[in-house]
Amino acid sequence: IRDIIKIEGFTINTSEETVSYQGRDIDLKGKVFEVFAYLAMQRDKIVSKEQLLDALWIEPELVTPNVIDVAITQIRQKIDKPLGITTIETVPRRGYRFCYPN
């Protein structure tokens, strides 16, 4: 896994769990950070909830897929709304896609 992911103004540091956009730090922690970073690494690919659960949770069968919806909502509240951009696209019945810049 790459430690630093750079995408058009975003710097995602997976080893330190930090995200910044154009030099401004964004507060994403825990699974919300992991979902964001994972989608960024799979940039432009559609990732299903099942793929996210399998990749990020030790025991995905013990977690409701709703945790992904909650994480995506948090990403949109902490990144997309304040910055006026869209980073994660919902692909109906298929999953999510990191679509910035779109």
PDB file of N, CA and C in Angstrom:
ATOM      1  N   ILE A   1       0.851  -1.197   0.000  1.00  0.00           N
ATOM      2  CA  ILE A   1       0.000   0.000   0.000  1.00  0.00           C
ATOM      3  C   ILE A   1       0.889   1.249   0.000  1.00  0.00           C
ATOM      4  N   ARG A   2       0.539   2.165  -0.871  1.00  0.00           N
ATOM      5  CA  ARG A   2       1.283   3.427  -0.907  1.00  0.00           C
ATOM      6  C   ARG A   2       0.933   4.238   0.337  1.00  0.00           C
ATOM      7  N   ASP A   3       1.935   4.916   0.890  1.00  0.00           N
ATOM      8  CA  ASP A   3       1.695   5.736   2.082  1.00  0.00           C
ATOM      9  C   ASP A   3       1.031   7.061   1.738  1.00  0.00           C
ATOM     10  N   ILE A   4       1.421   7.647   0.611  1.00  0.00           N
ATOM     11  CA  ILE A   4       0.914   8.971   0.235  1.00  0.00           C
ATOM     12  C   ILE A   4       0.168   8.866  -1.094  1.00  0.00           C
ATOM     13  N   ILE A   5      -1.070   9.322  -1.082  1.00  0.00           N
ATOM     14  CA  ILE A   5      -1.871   9.363  -2.303  1.00  0.00           C
ATOM     15  C   ILE A   5      -2.112  10.842  -2.593  1.00  0.00           C
ATOM     16  N   LYS A   6      -1.749  11.270  -3.796  1.00  0.00           N
ATOM     17  CA  LYS A   6      -1.985  12.669  -4.178  1.00  0.00           C
ATOM     18  C   LYS A   6      -2.942  12.688  -5.364  1.00  0.00           C
ATOM     19  N   ILE A   7      -4.051  13.410  -5.193  1.00  0.00           N
ATOM     20  CA  ILE A   7      -5.040  13.553  -6.264  1.00  0.00           C
ATOM     21  C   ILE A   7      -5.516  15.001  -6.289  1.00  0.00           C
ATOM     22  N   GLU A   8      -5.077  15.745  -7.299  1.00  0.00           N
ATOM     23  CA  GLU A   8      -5.607  17.094  -7.559  1.00  0.00           C
ATOM     24  C   GLU A   8      -5.864  17.934  -6.304  1.00  0.00           C
ATOM     25  N   GLY A   9      -4.828  18.201  -5.535  1.00  0.00           N
ATOM     26  CA  GLY A   9      -4.998  19.044  -4.350  1.00  0.00           C
ATOM     27  C   GLY A   9      -5.175  18.252  -3.066  1.00  0.00           C
ATOM     28  N   PHE A  10      -5.570  16.993  -3.162  1.00  0.00           N
ATOM     29  CA  PHE A  10      -5.679  16.143  -1.975  1.00  0.00           C
ATOM     30  C   PHE A  10      -4.367  15.446  -1.705  1.00  0.00           C
ATOM     31  N   THR A  11      -3.987  15.389  -0.432  1.00  0.00           N
ATOM     32  CA  THR A  11      -2.876  14.555   0.000  1.00  0.00           C
ATOM     33  C   THR A  11      -3.426  13.650   1.095  1.00  0.00           C
ATOM     34  N   ILE A  12      -3.393  12.349   0.833  1.00  0.00           N
ATOM     35  CA  ILE A  12      -3.903  11.364   1.788  1.00  0.00           C
ATOM     36  C   ILE A  12      -2.711  10.551   2.253  1.00  0.00           C
ATOM     37  N   ASN A  13      -2.424  10.613   3.544  1.00  0.00           N
ATOM     38  CA  ASN A  13      -1.305   9.876   4.120  1.00  0.00           C
ATOM     39  C   ASN A  13      -1.872   8.692   4.896  1.00  0.00           C
ATOM     40  N   THR A  14      -1.725   7.496   4.334  1.00  0.00           N
ATOM     41  CA  THR A  14      -2.352   6.323   4.948  1.00  0.00           C
ATOM     42  C   THR A  14      -1.641   5.858   6.219  1.00  0.00           C
ATOM     43  N   SER A  15      -0.336   6.102   6.322  1.00  0.00           N
ATOM     44  CA  SER A  15       0.357   5.650   7.534  1.00  0.00           C
ATOM     45  C   SER A  15       0.065   6.569   8.722  1.00  0.00           C
ATOM     46  N   GLU A  16      -0.156   7.846   8.448  1.00  0.00           N
ATOM     47  CA  GLU A  16      -0.457   8.793   9.538  1.00  0.00           C
ATOM     48  C   GLU A  16      -1.950   9.094   9.673  1.00  0.00           C
ATOM     49  N   GLU A  17      -2.763   8.525   8.774  1.00  0.00           N
ATOM     50  CA  GLU A  17      -4.214   8.766   8.756  1.00  0.00           C
ATOM     51  C   GLU A  17      -4.548  10.256   8.722  1.00  0.00           C
ATOM     52  N   THR A  18      -3.962  10.950   7.757  1.00  0.00           N
ATOM     53  CA  THR A  18      -4.268  12.370   7.604  1.00  0.00           C
ATOM     54  C   THR A  18      -4.715  12.654   6.170  1.00  0.00           C
ATOM     55  N   VAL A  19      -5.591  13.653   6.060  1.00  0.00           N
ATOM     56  CA  VAL A  19      -6.054  14.124   4.757  1.00  0.00           C
ATOM     57  C   VAL A  19      -5.918  15.627   4.752  1.00  0.00           C
ATOM     58  N   SER A  20      -5.369  16.152   3.656  1.00  0.00           N
ATOM     59  CA  SER A  20      -5.387  17.608   3.496  1.00  0.00           C
ATOM     60  C   SER A  20      -5.808  17.926   2.071  1.00  0.00           C
ATOM     61  N   TYR A  21      -6.388  19.109   1.925  1.00  0.00           N
ATOM     62  CA  TYR A  21      -6.809  19.576   0.610  1.00  0.00           C
ATOM     63  C   TYR A  21      -6.261  20.974   0.420  1.00  0.00           C
ATOM     64  N   GLN A  22      -5.413  21.140  -0.585  1.00  0.00           N
ATOM     65  CA  GLN A  22      -4.745  22.417  -0.853  1.00  0.00           C
ATOM     66  C   GLN A  22      -4.124  22.978   0.424  1.00  0.00           C
ATOM     67  N   GLY A  23      -3.464  22.101   1.175  1.00  0.00           N
ATOM     68  CA  GLY A  23      -2.743  22.514   2.375  1.00  0.00           C
ATOM     69  C   GLY A  23      -3.579  22.617   3.639  1.00  0.00           C
ATOM     70  N   ARG A  24      -4.917  22.486   3.524  1.00  0.00           N
ATOM     71  CA  ARG A  24      -5.779  22.564   4.717  1.00  0.00           C
ATOM     72  C   ARG A  24      -6.084  21.165   5.223  1.00  0.00           C
ATOM     73  N   ASP A  25      -5.848  20.942   6.518  1.00  0.00           N
ATOM     74  CA  ASP A  25      -6.130  19.632   7.096  1.00  0.00           C
ATOM     75  C   ASP A  25      -7.623  19.391   7.194  1.00  0.00           C
ATOM     76  N   ILE A  26      -8.012  18.149   6.929  1.00  0.00           N
ATOM     77  CA  ILE A  26      -9.413  17.734   7.033  1.00  0.00           C
ATOM     78  C   ILE A  26      -9.478  16.645   8.087  1.00  0.00           C
ATOM     79  N   ASP A  27     -10.415  16.780   9.000  1.00  0.00           N
ATOM     80  CA  ASP A  27     -10.523  15.854  10.118  1.00  0.00           C
ATOM     81  C   ASP A  27     -11.337  14.617   9.737  1.00  0.00           C
ATOM     82  N   LEU A  28     -10.635  13.578   9.308  1.00  0.00           N
ATOM     83  CA  LEU A  28     -11.262  12.282   9.043  1.00  0.00           C
ATOM     84  C   LEU A  28     -10.525  11.259   9.882  1.00  0.00           C
ATOM     85  N   LYS A  29     -11.251  10.467  10.629  1.00  0.00           N
ATOM     86  CA  LYS A  29     -10.608   9.497  11.511  1.00  0.00           C
ATOM     87  C   LYS A  29     -11.209   8.112  11.336  1.00  0.00           C
ATOM     88  N   GLY A  30     -10.470   7.111  11.784  1.00  0.00           N
ATOM     89  CA  GLY A  30     -10.972   5.745  11.867  1.00  0.00           C
ATOM     90  C   GLY A  30     -11.471   5.197  10.546  1.00  0.00           C
ATOM     91  N   LYS A  31     -12.616   4.523  10.610  1.00  0.00           N
ATOM     92  CA  LYS A  31     -13.164   3.863   9.421  1.00  0.00           C
ATOM     93  C   LYS A  31     -13.563   4.864   8.342  1.00  0.00           C
ATOM     94  N   VAL A  32     -13.970   6.063   8.734  1.00  0.00           N
ATOM     95  CA  VAL A  32     -14.335   7.082   7.737  1.00  0.00           C
ATOM     96  C   VAL A  32     -13.100   7.409   6.887  1.00  0.00           C
ATOM     97  N   PHE A  33     -11.955   7.592   7.560  1.00  0.00           N
ATOM     98  CA  PHE A  33     -10.699   7.827   6.842  1.00  0.00           C
ATOM     99  C   PHE A  33     -10.365   6.630   5.944  1.00  0.00           C
ATOM    100  N   GLU A  34     -10.501   5.421   6.499  1.00  0.00           N
ATOM    101  CA  GLU A  34     -10.147   4.209   5.747  1.00  0.00           C
ATOM    102  C   GLU A  34     -11.003   4.059   4.492  1.00  0.00           C
ATOM    103  N   VAL A  35     -12.300   4.343   4.604  1.00  0.00           N
ATOM    104  CA  VAL A  35     -13.194   4.263   3.439  1.00  0.00           C
ATOM    105  C   VAL A  35     -12.754   5.280   2.388  1.00  0.00           C
ATOM    106  N   PHE A  36     -12.482   6.510   2.812  1.00  0.00           N
ATOM    107  CA  PHE A  36     -12.057   7.563   1.886  1.00  0.00           C
ATOM    108  C   PHE A  36     -10.754   7.177   1.186  1.00  0.00           C
ATOM    109  N   ALA A  37      -9.772   6.737   1.957  1.00  0.00           N
ATOM    110  CA  ALA A  37      -8.466   6.374   1.401  1.00  0.00           C
ATOM    111  C   ALA A  37      -8.585   5.178   0.453  1.00  0.00           C
ATOM    112  N   TYR A  38      -9.385   4.186   0.837  1.00  0.00           N
ATOM    113  CA  TYR A  38      -9.554   3.002  -0.003  1.00  0.00           C
ATOM    114  C   TYR A  38     -10.186   3.375  -1.340  1.00  0.00           C
ATOM    115  N   LEU A  39     -11.229   4.191  -1.287  1.00  0.00           N
ATOM    116  CA  LEU A  39     -11.879   4.619  -2.532  1.00  0.00           C
ATOM    117  C   LEU A  39     -10.921   5.450  -3.390  1.00  0.00           C
ATOM    118  N   ALA A  40     -10.111   6.283  -2.741  1.00  0.00           N
ATOM    119  CA  ALA A  40      -9.130   7.086  -3.491  1.00  0.00           C
ATOM    120  C   ALA A  40      -8.113   6.173  -4.180  1.00  0.00           C
ATOM    121  N   MET A  41      -7.690   5.108  -3.499  1.00  0.00           N
ATOM    122  CA  MET A  41      -6.733   4.161  -4.100  1.00  0.00           C
ATOM    123  C   MET A  41      -7.346   3.427  -5.278  1.00  0.00           C
ATOM    124  N   GLN A  42      -8.664   3.241  -5.254  1.00  0.00           N
ATOM    125  CA  GLN A  42      -9.374   2.556  -6.338  1.00  0.00           C
ATOM    126  C   GLN A  42      -9.983   3.575  -7.305  1.00  0.00           C
ATOM    127  N   ARG A  43      -9.425   4.752  -7.331  1.00  0.00           N
ATOM    128  CA  ARG A  43      -9.949   5.887  -8.082  1.00  0.00           C
ATOM    129  C   ARG A  43     -10.559   5.507  -9.429  1.00  0.00           C
ATOM    130  N   ASP A  44     -11.755   6.025  -9.665  1.00  0.00           N
ATOM    131  CA  ASP A  44     -12.518   5.811 -10.901  1.00  0.00           C
ATOM    132  C   ASP A  44     -13.072   4.398 -11.061  1.00  0.00           C
ATOM    133  N   LYS A  45     -12.824   3.507 -10.092  1.00  0.00           N
ATOM    134  CA  LYS A  45     -13.418   2.166 -10.143  1.00  0.00           C
ATOM    135  C   LYS A  45     -14.625   2.152  -9.221  1.00  0.00           C
ATOM    136  N   ILE A  46     -15.652   1.406  -9.612  1.00  0.00           N
ATOM    137  CA  ILE A  46     -16.814   1.234  -8.740  1.00  0.00           C
ATOM    138  C   ILE A  46     -16.470   0.168  -7.711  1.00  0.00           C
ATOM    139  N   VAL A  47     -16.652   0.511  -6.438  1.00  0.00           N
ATOM    140  CA  VAL A  47     -16.350  -0.404  -5.338  1.00  0.00           C
ATOM    141  C   VAL A  47     -17.657  -0.691  -4.608  1.00  0.00           C
ATOM    142  N   SER A  48     -17.990  -1.970  -4.477  1.00  0.00           N
ATOM    143  CA  SER A  48     -19.238  -2.343  -3.806  1.00  0.00           C
ATOM    144  C   SER A  48     -19.090  -2.244  -2.291  1.00  0.00           C
ATOM    145  N   LYS A  49     -20.216  -2.185  -1.609  1.00  0.00           N
ATOM    146  CA  LYS A  49     -20.189  -2.180  -0.141  1.00  0.00           C
ATOM    147  C   LYS A  49     -19.492  -3.429   0.372  1.00  0.00           C
ATOM    148  N   GLU A  50     -19.755  -4.561  -0.272  1.00  0.00           N
ATOM    149  CA  GLU A  50     -19.141  -5.822   0.149  1.00  0.00           C
ATOM    150  C   GLU A  50     -17.625  -5.749   0.034  1.00  0.00           C
ATOM    151  N   GLN A  51     -17.124  -5.168  -1.065  1.00  0.00           N
ATOM    152  CA  GLN A  51     -15.675  -5.031  -1.234  1.00  0.00           C
ATOM    153  C   GLN A  51     -15.092  -4.151  -0.131  1.00  0.00           C
ATOM    154  N   LEU A  52     -15.765  -3.055   0.185  1.00  0.00           N
ATOM    155  CA  LEU A  52     -15.295  -2.177   1.253  1.00  0.00           C
ATOM    156  C   LEU A  52     -15.283  -2.900   2.594  1.00  0.00           C
ATOM    157  N   LEU A  53     -16.364  -3.604   2.892  1.00  0.00           N
ATOM    158  CA  LEU A  53     -16.438  -4.335   4.164  1.00  0.00           C
ATOM    159  C   LEU A  53     -15.327  -5.372   4.254  1.00  0.00           C
ATOM    160  N   ASP A  54     -15.128  -6.143   3.180  1.00  0.00           N
ATOM    161  CA  ASP A  54     -14.098  -7.186   3.186  1.00  0.00           C
ATOM    162  C   ASP A  54     -12.699  -6.600   3.324  1.00  0.00           C
ATOM    163  N   ALA A  55     -12.478  -5.449   2.685  1.00  0.00           N
ATOM    164  CA  ALA A  55     -11.145  -4.844   2.704  1.00  0.00           C
ATOM    165  C   ALA A  55     -10.814  -4.170   4.034  1.00  0.00           C
ATOM    166  N   LEU A  56     -11.825  -3.588   4.693  1.00  0.00           N
ATOM    167  CA  LEU A  56     -11.542  -2.705   5.828  1.00  0.00           C
ATOM    168  C   LEU A  56     -11.955  -3.238   7.198  1.00  0.00           C
ATOM    169  N   TRP A  57     -12.772  -4.265   7.231  1.00  0.00           N
ATOM    170  CA  TRP A  57     -13.208  -4.792   8.529  1.00  0.00           C
ATOM    171  C   TRP A  57     -12.629  -6.193   8.729  1.00  0.00           C
ATOM    172  N   ILE A  58     -12.128  -6.469   9.917  1.00  0.00           N
ATOM    173  CA  ILE A  58     -11.545  -7.770  10.220  1.00  0.00           C
ATOM    174  C   ILE A  58     -12.608  -8.864  10.153  1.00  0.00           C
ATOM    175  N   GLU A  59     -13.804  -8.570  10.669  1.00  0.00           N
ATOM    176  CA  GLU A  59     -14.906  -9.528  10.622  1.00  0.00           C
ATOM    177  C   GLU A  59     -16.115  -8.870   9.959  1.00  0.00           C
ATOM    178  N   PRO A  60     -16.067  -8.752   8.620  1.00  0.00           N
ATOM    179  CA  PRO A  60     -17.131  -8.015   7.914  1.00  0.00           C
ATOM    180  C   PRO A  60     -18.526  -8.588   8.132  1.00  0.00           C
ATOM    181  N   GLU A  61     -18.600  -9.878   8.410  1.00  0.00           N
ATOM    182  CA  GLU A  61     -19.919 -10.488   8.603  1.00  0.00           C
ATOM    183  C   GLU A  61     -20.596 -10.005   9.878  1.00  0.00           C
ATOM    184  N   LEU A  62     -19.831  -9.388  10.781  1.00  0.00           N
ATOM    185  CA  LEU A  62     -20.396  -8.875  12.033  1.00  0.00           C
ATOM    186  C   LEU A  62     -20.848  -7.424  11.920  1.00  0.00           C
ATOM    187  N   VAL A  63     -20.644  -6.824  10.751  1.00  0.00           N
ATOM    188  CA  VAL A  63     -20.938  -5.400  10.565  1.00  0.00           C
ATOM    189  C   VAL A  63     -22.079  -5.252   9.559  1.00  0.00           C
ATOM    190  N   THR A  64     -23.002  -4.359   9.849  1.00  0.00           N
ATOM    191  CA  THR A  64     -24.073  -4.085   8.894  1.00  0.00           C
ATOM    192  C   THR A  64     -23.531  -3.202   7.762  1.00  0.00           C
ATOM    193  N   PRO A  65     -23.944  -3.470   6.514  1.00  0.00           N
ATOM    194  CA  PRO A  65     -23.487  -2.640   5.388  1.00  0.00           C
ATOM    195  C   PRO A  65     -23.826  -1.155   5.574  1.00  0.00           C
ATOM    196  N   ASN A  66     -24.747  -0.857   6.480  1.00  0.00           N
ATOM    197  CA  ASN A  66     -25.109   0.523   6.774  1.00  0.00           C
ATOM    198  C   ASN A  66     -23.911   1.356   7.241  1.00  0.00           C
ATOM    199  N   VAL A  67     -22.895   0.711   7.820  1.00  0.00           N
ATOM    200  CA  VAL A  67     -21.723   1.470   8.277  1.00  0.00           C
ATOM    201  C   VAL A  67     -21.040   2.168   7.102  1.00  0.00           C
ATOM    202  N   ILE A  68     -21.143   1.600   5.920  1.00  0.00           N
ATOM    203  CA  ILE A  68     -20.565   2.235   4.734  1.00  0.00           C
ATOM    204  C   ILE A  68     -21.342   3.508   4.401  1.00  0.00           C
ATOM    205  N   ASP A  69     -22.676   3.428   4.445  1.00  0.00           N
ATOM    206  CA  ASP A  69     -23.504   4.616   4.187  1.00  0.00           C
ATOM    207  C   ASP A  69     -23.164   5.738   5.158  1.00  0.00           C
ATOM    208  N   VAL A  70     -22.992   5.375   6.418  1.00  0.00           N
ATOM    209  CA  VAL A  70     -22.667   6.364   7.453  1.00  0.00           C
ATOM    210  C   VAL A  70     -21.312   7.008   7.148  1.00  0.00           C
ATOM    211  N   ALA A  71     -20.330   6.198   6.766  1.00  0.00           N
ATOM    212  CA  ALA A  71     -18.998   6.727   6.447  1.00  0.00           C
ATOM    213  C   ALA A  71     -19.056   7.664   5.241  1.00  0.00           C
ATOM    214  N   ILE A  72     -19.801   7.280   4.211  1.00  0.00           N
ATOM    215  CA  ILE A  72     -19.921   8.119   3.006  1.00  0.00           C
ATOM    216  C   ILE A  72     -20.588   9.450   3.365  1.00  0.00           C
ATOM    217  N   THR A  73     -21.623   9.400   4.202  1.00  0.00           N
ATOM    218  CA  THR A  73     -22.295  10.625   4.647  1.00  0.00           C
ATOM    219  C   THR A  73     -21.310  11.537   5.372  1.00  0.00           C
ATOM    220  N   GLN A  74     -20.488  10.963   6.240  1.00  0.00           N
ATOM    221  CA  GLN A  74     -19.489  11.758   6.979  1.00  0.00           C
ATOM    222  C   GLN A  74     -18.479  12.398   6.028  1.00  0.00           C
ATOM    223  N   ILE A  75     -18.032  11.628   5.038  1.00  0.00           N
ATOM    224  CA  ILE A  75     -17.080  12.167   4.055  1.00  0.00           C
ATOM    225  C   ILE A  75     -17.708  13.366   3.343  1.00  0.00           C
ATOM    226  N   ARG A  76     -18.959  13.209   2.960  1.00  0.00           N
ATOM    227  CA  ARG A  76     -19.632  14.301   2.244  1.00  0.00           C
ATOM    228  C   ARG A  76     -19.810  15.523   3.143  1.00  0.00           C
ATOM    229  N   GLN A  77     -20.070  15.317   4.425  1.00  0.00           N
ATOM    230  CA  GLN A  77     -20.248  16.446   5.342  1.00  0.00           C
ATOM    231  C   GLN A  77     -18.927  17.136   5.660  1.00  0.00           C
ATOM    232  N   LYS A  78     -17.848  16.375   5.741  1.00  0.00           N
ATOM    233  CA  LYS A  78     -16.565  16.957   6.146  1.00  0.00           C
ATOM    234  C   LYS A  78     -15.718  17.456   4.980  1.00  0.00           C
ATOM    235  N   ILE A  79     -15.970  16.916   3.777  1.00  0.00           N
ATOM    236  CA  ILE A  79     -15.146  17.303   2.626  1.00  0.00           C
ATOM    237  C   ILE A  79     -15.979  17.982   1.551  1.00  0.00           C
ATOM    238  N   ASP A  80     -16.958  17.257   1.016  1.00  0.00           N
ATOM    239  CA  ASP A  80     -17.680  17.752  -0.159  1.00  0.00           C
ATOM    240  C   ASP A  80     -18.437  19.054   0.105  1.00  0.00           C
ATOM    241  N   LYS A  81     -19.242  19.075   1.170  1.00  0.00           N
ATOM    242  CA  LYS A  81     -20.058  20.272   1.436  1.00  0.00           C
ATOM    243  C   LYS A  81     -19.196  21.501   1.714  1.00  0.00           C
ATOM    244  N   PRO A  82     -18.241  21.435   2.667  1.00  0.00           N
ATOM    245  CA  PRO A  82     -17.456  22.642   2.954  1.00  0.00           C
ATOM    246  C   PRO A  82     -16.624  23.121   1.757  1.00  0.00           C
ATOM    247  N   LEU A  83     -16.145  22.190   0.923  1.00  0.00           N
ATOM    248  CA  LEU A  83     -15.277  22.568  -0.192  1.00  0.00           C
ATOM    249  C   LEU A  83     -16.060  22.807  -1.482  1.00  0.00           C
ATOM    250  N   GLY A  84     -17.344  22.444  -1.481  1.00  0.00           N
ATOM    251  CA  GLY A  84     -18.151  22.634  -2.682  1.00  0.00           C
ATOM    252  C   GLY A  84     -17.727  21.738  -3.838  1.00  0.00           C
ATOM    253  N   ILE A  85     -17.285  20.515  -3.508  1.00  0.00           N
ATOM    254  CA  ILE A  85     -16.854  19.568  -4.539  1.00  0.00           C
ATOM    255  C   ILE A  85     -17.561  18.230  -4.316  1.00  0.00           C
ATOM    256  N   THR A  86     -17.387  17.309  -5.246  1.00  0.00           N
ATOM    257  CA  THR A  86     -17.892  15.950  -5.074  1.00  0.00           C
ATOM    258  C   THR A  86     -16.713  15.006  -5.173  1.00  0.00           C
ATOM    259  N   THR A  87     -16.484  14.237  -4.118  1.00  0.00           N
ATOM    260  CA  THR A  87     -15.370  13.285  -4.147  1.00  0.00           C
ATOM    261  C   THR A  87     -15.855  11.855  -4.355  1.00  0.00           C
ATOM    262  N   ILE A  88     -17.011  11.523  -3.776  1.00  0.00           N
ATOM    263  CA  ILE A  88     -17.527  10.161  -3.841  1.00  0.00           C
ATOM    264  C   ILE A  88     -18.873  10.169  -4.552  1.00  0.00           C
ATOM    265  N   GLU A  89     -18.963   9.362  -5.600  1.00  0.00           N
ATOM    266  CA  GLU A  89     -20.209   9.238  -6.348  1.00  0.00           C
ATOM    267  C   GLU A  89     -20.896   7.932  -5.940  1.00  0.00           C
ATOM    268  N   THR A  90     -22.210   7.993  -5.723  1.00  0.00           N
ATOM    269  CA  THR A  90     -22.986   6.784  -5.482  1.00  0.00           C
ATOM    270  C   THR A  90     -23.415   6.222  -6.831  1.00  0.00           C
ATOM    271  N   VAL A  91     -23.102   4.961  -7.070  1.00  0.00           N
ATOM    272  CA  VAL A  91     -23.520   4.292  -8.300  1.00  0.00           C
ATOM    273  C   VAL A  91     -24.649   3.338  -7.904  1.00  0.00           C
ATOM    274  N   PRO A  92     -25.899   3.695  -8.233  1.00  0.00           N
ATOM    275  CA  PRO A  92     -27.048   2.930  -7.750  1.00  0.00           C
ATOM    276  C   PRO A  92     -26.914   1.418  -7.963  1.00  0.00           C
ATOM    277  N   ARG A  93     -27.176   0.674  -6.897  1.00  0.00           N
ATOM    278  CA  ARG A  93     -27.156  -0.799  -6.866  1.00  0.00           C
ATOM    279  C   ARG A  93     -25.787  -1.418  -7.133  1.00  0.00           C
ATOM    280  N   ARG A  94     -24.744  -0.586  -7.251  1.00  0.00           N
ATOM    281  CA  ARG A  94     -23.411  -1.143  -7.531  1.00  0.00           C
ATOM    282  C   ARG A  94     -22.383  -0.770  -6.485  1.00  0.00           C
ATOM    283  N   GLY A  95     -22.456   0.448  -5.958  1.00  0.00           N
ATOM    284  CA  GLY A  95     -21.469   0.832  -4.950  1.00  0.00           C
ATOM    285  C   GLY A  95     -21.104   2.303  -5.024  1.00  0.00           C
ATOM    286  N   TYR A  96     -19.808   2.574  -4.795  1.00  0.00           N
ATOM    287  CA  TYR A  96     -19.318   3.946  -4.751  1.00  0.00           C
ATOM    288  C   TYR A  96     -18.074   4.072  -5.612  1.00  0.00           C
ATOM    289  N   ARG A  97     -17.817   5.334  -6.038  1.00  0.00           N
ATOM    290  CA  ARG A  97     -16.661   5.576  -6.884  1.00  0.00           C
ATOM    291  C   ARG A  97     -16.039   6.909  -6.478  1.00  0.00           C
ATOM    292  N   PHE A  98     -14.715   6.923  -6.322  1.00  0.00           N
ATOM    293  CA  PHE A  98     -14.000   8.172  -6.070  1.00  0.00           C
ATOM    294  C   PHE A  98     -13.924   8.869  -7.420  1.00  0.00           C
ATOM    295  N   CYS A  99     -14.578  10.027  -7.531  1.00  0.00           N
ATOM    296  CA  CYS A  99     -14.744  10.651  -8.848  1.00  0.00           C
ATOM    297  C   CYS A  99     -14.141  12.054  -8.922  1.00  0.00           C
ATOM    298  N   TYR A 100     -13.288  12.429  -7.962  1.00  0.00           N
ATOM    299  CA  TYR A 100     -12.709  13.771  -7.998  1.00  0.00           C
ATOM    300  C   TYR A 100     -11.352  13.701  -8.695  1.00  0.00           C
ATOM    301  N   PRO A 101     -10.982  14.619  -9.544  1.00  0.00           N
ATOM    302  CA  PRO A 101     -11.820  15.708 -10.062  1.00  0.00           C
ATOM    303  C   PRO A 101     -12.760  15.154 -11.129  1.00  0.00           C
ATOM    304  N   ASN A 102     -13.985  15.709 -11.157  1.00  0.00           N
ATOM    305  CA  ASN A 102     -14.958  15.150 -12.092  1.00  0.00           C
ATOM    306  C   ASN A 102     -15.260  16.102 -13.230  1.00  0.00           C
TER     307      ASN A 102
END
